[in-house]
Protein backbone atom coordinates (compact mmCIF):
# COMPACT_ATOMS: atom_id res chain seq x y z
CA UNK A 1 0.00 0.00 0.00
CA UNK A 2 3.04 2.32 0.14
CA UNK A 3 2.64 3.78 -3.35
CA UNK A 4 -1.15 3.96 -3.17
CA UNK A 5 -1.06 5.72 0.19
CA UNK A 6 1.57 8.19 -1.06
CA UNK A 7 -0.43 8.85 -4.24
CA UNK A 8 -3.79 9.36 -2.53
CA UNK A 9 -2.49 11.27 0.48
CA UNK A 10 0.12 13.53 -1.10
CA UNK A 11 -0.77 13.82 -4.79
CA UNK A 12 -4.54 13.75 -4.40
CA UNK A 13 -4.91 15.31 -0.93
CA UNK A 14 -7.24 12.63 0.44
CA UNK A 15 -7.75 12.80 4.21
CA UNK A 16 -5.71 10.16 6.08
CA UNK A 17 -8.59 8.96 8.31
CA UNK A 18 -10.94 8.65 5.34
CA UNK A 19 -8.37 6.67 3.36
CA UNK A 20 -7.65 4.37 6.31
CA UNK A 21 -11.38 3.64 6.74
CA UNK A 22 -11.68 2.41 3.16
CA UNK A 23 -8.39 0.51 3.25
CA UNK A 24 -9.36 -1.13 6.58
CA UNK A 25 -12.60 -2.32 4.95
CA UNK A 26 -10.56 -3.85 2.07
CA UNK A 27 -12.09 -1.41 -0.40
CA UNK A 28 -8.77 0.07 -1.56
CA UNK A 29 -5.54 -1.80 -2.20
CA UNK A 30 -2.38 -1.66 -4.32
CA UNK A 31 -2.05 -4.08 -7.22
CA UNK A 32 1.13 -6.14 -7.06
CA UNK A 33 2.16 -6.01 -10.70
CA UNK A 34 1.66 -2.35 -11.66
CA UNK A 35 1.16 -0.71 -8.22
CA UNK A 36 -2.20 0.70 -9.33
CA UNK A 37 -4.72 1.92 -6.79
CA UNK A 38 -7.63 -0.52 -6.93
CA UNK A 39 -11.07 0.57 -5.70
CA UNK A 40 -13.28 -2.42 -4.91
CA UNK A 41 -17.08 -2.60 -4.94
CA UNK A 42 -18.91 -5.34 -3.05
CA UNK A 43 -22.41 -6.78 -3.42
CA UNK A 44 -24.87 -7.07 -0.53
CA UNK A 45 -23.32 -10.43 0.46
CA UNK A 46 -19.86 -8.89 0.80
CA UNK A 47 -18.53 -10.48 -2.40
CA UNK A 48 -16.22 -8.29 -4.54
CA UNK A 49 -18.04 -7.56 -7.83
CA UNK A 50 -16.24 -4.56 -9.31
CA UNK A 51 -12.73 -3.14 -9.44
CA UNK A 52 -11.64 0.25 -10.78
CA UNK A 53 -7.90 0.77 -11.29
CA UNK A 54 -5.99 4.06 -11.28
CA UNK A 55 -2.30 4.47 -12.07
CA UNK A 56 -0.24 5.91 -9.21
CA UNK A 57 2.89 7.01 -11.11
CA UNK A 58 3.49 10.76 -11.33
CA UNK A 59 3.14 10.64 -15.14
CA UNK A 60 0.46 7.93 -15.28
CA UNK A 61 -2.96 8.71 -16.71
CA UNK A 62 -4.09 5.07 -16.62
CA UNK A 63 -7.57 4.35 -15.34
CA UNK A 64 -10.05 1.64 -16.14
CA UNK A 65 -12.51 -0.92 -14.86
CA UNK A 66 -11.67 -4.61 -14.58
CA UNK A 67 -13.32 -6.37 -17.56
CA UNK A 68 -15.38 -8.79 -15.44
CA UNK A 69 -16.77 -6.08 -13.15
CA UNK A 70 -20.48 -5.60 -12.48
CA UNK A 71 -21.22 -1.83 -12.75
CA UNK A 72 -24.16 -2.10 -10.33
CA UNK A 73 -21.64 -2.75 -7.56
CA UNK A 74 -18.89 -0.27 -8.37
CA UNK A 75 -17.00 1.44 -5.50
CA UNK A 76 -19.52 2.59 -2.84
CA UNK A 77 -20.16 3.09 0.87
CA UNK A 78 -23.39 2.27 2.72
CA UNK A 79 -24.45 4.55 5.57
CA UNK A 80 -27.67 4.68 7.58
CA UNK A 81 -28.91 8.17 6.73
CA UNK A 82 -31.48 8.73 3.93
CA UNK A 83 -28.87 10.46 1.72
CA UNK A 84 -26.71 9.09 -1.09
CA UNK A 85 -24.16 11.01 -3.18
CA UNK A 86 -23.18 9.86 -6.69
CA UNK A 87 -19.78 10.65 -8.24
CA UNK A 88 -18.07 9.83 -11.51
CA UNK A 89 -14.81 8.55 -9.98
CA UNK A 90 -13.61 7.03 -6.69
CA UNK A 91 -11.06 9.82 -6.16
CA UNK A 92 -13.81 12.45 -6.48
CA UNK A 93 -15.90 10.53 -3.96
CA UNK A 94 -12.97 10.38 -1.51
CA UNK A 95 -12.22 14.06 -2.14
CA UNK A 96 -15.79 15.12 -1.36
CA UNK A 97 -15.78 13.06 1.84
CA UNK A 98 -12.40 14.60 2.80
CA UNK A 99 -13.93 18.08 2.46
CA UNK A 100 -17.09 17.11 4.39
CA UNK A 101 -15.79 14.75 7.07
CA UNK A 102 -18.29 15.46 9.83
CA UNK A 103 -20.42 12.32 10.32
CA UNK A 104 -19.47 11.13 6.83
CA UNK A 105 -19.85 7.45 7.70
CA UNK A 106 -23.57 7.97 8.33
CA UNK A 107 -24.24 8.75 4.65
CA UNK A 108 -24.01 6.65 1.49
CA UNK A 109 -21.72 7.34 -1.46
CA UNK A 110 -21.14 5.74 -4.85
CA UNK A 111 -18.63 6.19 -7.66
CA UNK A 112 -20.08 5.13 -11.00
CA UNK A 113 -16.58 4.85 -12.52
CA UNK A 114 -18.27 6.48 -15.54
CA UNK A 115 -21.37 8.66 -15.98
CA UNK A 116 -23.68 5.67 -15.57
CA UNK A 117 -26.49 5.50 -13.01
CA UNK A 118 -26.41 1.72 -12.54
CA UNK A 119 -24.70 1.71 -9.14
CA UNK A 120 -27.07 4.42 -7.91
CA UNK A 121 -30.24 2.54 -8.80
CA UNK A 122 -28.78 -0.68 -7.36
CA UNK A 123 -28.09 1.15 -4.08
CA UNK A 124 -31.63 2.55 -4.04
CA UNK A 125 -32.99 -0.97 -4.58
CA UNK A 126 -30.75 -2.51 -1.90
CA UNK A 127 -31.38 0.28 0.65
CA UNK A 128 -35.03 1.31 0.99
CA UNK A 129 -33.99 3.89 3.61
CA UNK A 130 -32.35 6.03 0.86
CA UNK A 131 -34.78 8.84 0.05
CA UNK A 132 -32.66 11.66 -1.38
CA UNK A 133 -29.91 11.70 -3.99
CA UNK A 134 -27.13 14.26 -4.46
CA UNK A 135 -25.70 14.12 -7.97
CA UNK A 136 -22.06 15.21 -7.65
CA UNK A 137 -20.75 14.73 -11.17
CA UNK A 138 -17.98 16.67 -12.90
CA UNK A 139 -18.27 20.31 -13.88
CA UNK A 140 -18.06 19.64 -17.63
CA UNK A 141 -20.44 18.91 -20.49
CA UNK A 142 -20.53 15.14 -19.92
CA UNK A 143 -21.13 15.58 -16.19
CA UNK A 144 -23.86 18.18 -16.71
CA UNK A 145 -25.70 16.03 -19.27
CA UNK A 146 -25.48 12.93 -17.06
CA UNK A 147 -26.68 14.83 -13.97
CA UNK A 148 -29.71 16.14 -15.90
CA UNK A 149 -30.49 12.69 -17.35
CA UNK A 150 -30.25 10.97 -13.95
CA UNK A 151 -32.19 13.75 -12.22
CA UNK A 152 -35.04 13.31 -14.73
CA UNK A 153 -35.12 9.53 -14.13
CA UNK A 154 -35.22 10.06 -10.36
CA UNK A 155 -38.04 12.61 -10.71
CA UNK A 156 -40.13 10.08 -12.66
CA UNK A 157 -39.58 7.58 -9.82
CA UNK A 158 -40.60 10.15 -7.20
CA UNK A 159 -37.11 10.38 -5.67
CA UNK A 160 -35.85 13.80 -4.61
CA UNK A 161 -32.51 14.82 -6.11
CA UNK A 162 -30.17 17.81 -5.96
CA UNK A 163 -27.34 18.52 -8.37
CA UNK A 164 -24.11 19.63 -6.66
CA UNK A 165 -21.43 21.09 -8.94
CA UNK A 166 -17.75 21.45 -7.97
CA UNK A 167 -16.25 24.94 -8.35
CA UNK A 168 -13.50 23.56 -10.60
CA UNK A 169 -13.63 20.64 -13.02
CA UNK A 170 -14.09 17.98 -10.34
CA UNK A 171 -14.13 17.43 -6.56
CA UNK A 172 -10.44 16.49 -6.42
CA UNK A 173 -9.46 19.81 -8.00
CA UNK A 174 -11.60 21.55 -5.36
CA UNK A 175 -9.91 19.55 -2.58
CA UNK A 176 -6.40 20.31 -3.88
CA UNK A 177 -7.26 24.03 -4.08
CA UNK A 178 -8.53 23.87 -0.49
CA UNK A 179 -5.31 22.12 0.64
CA UNK A 180 -3.24 24.84 -1.11
CA UNK A 181 -5.22 27.59 0.65
CA UNK A 182 -4.65 25.83 3.99
CA UNK A 183 -0.87 25.70 3.36
CA UNK A 184 -0.75 29.35 2.32
CA UNK A 185 -2.71 30.31 5.44
CA UNK A 186 -0.27 28.34 7.62
CA UNK A 187 2.71 30.07 5.99
CA UNK A 188 1.11 33.51 6.47
CA UNK A 189 0.31 32.72 10.10
CA UNK A 190 3.86 31.46 10.69
CA UNK A 191 5.33 34.65 9.16
CA UNK A 192 3.11 36.84 11.33
CA UNK A 193 4.18 34.98 14.49
CA UNK A 194 7.88 35.27 13.65
CA UNK A 195 7.52 39.00 12.92
CA UNK A 196 5.72 39.77 16.18
Foldseek 3Di string as FASTA:
>chain_A
DVLVCCQLCPVLVFDPVLVCVCVVLVQWDADDPQRWIWGFFADPVRHTAWIWTAHRDPPDGDIDIDPRHDLLGGHKADAQAQEEEEEQDPSLQSLVCRVVVVVVNRHMYYHSVHLDCNNVVSVVVVDVSHQEYEYFYFPDDRSVVSVVVVCVVCVVVVGHYHYDYDPDGGSSVVSVVVVVVVVVVVVVVVVVVVVD
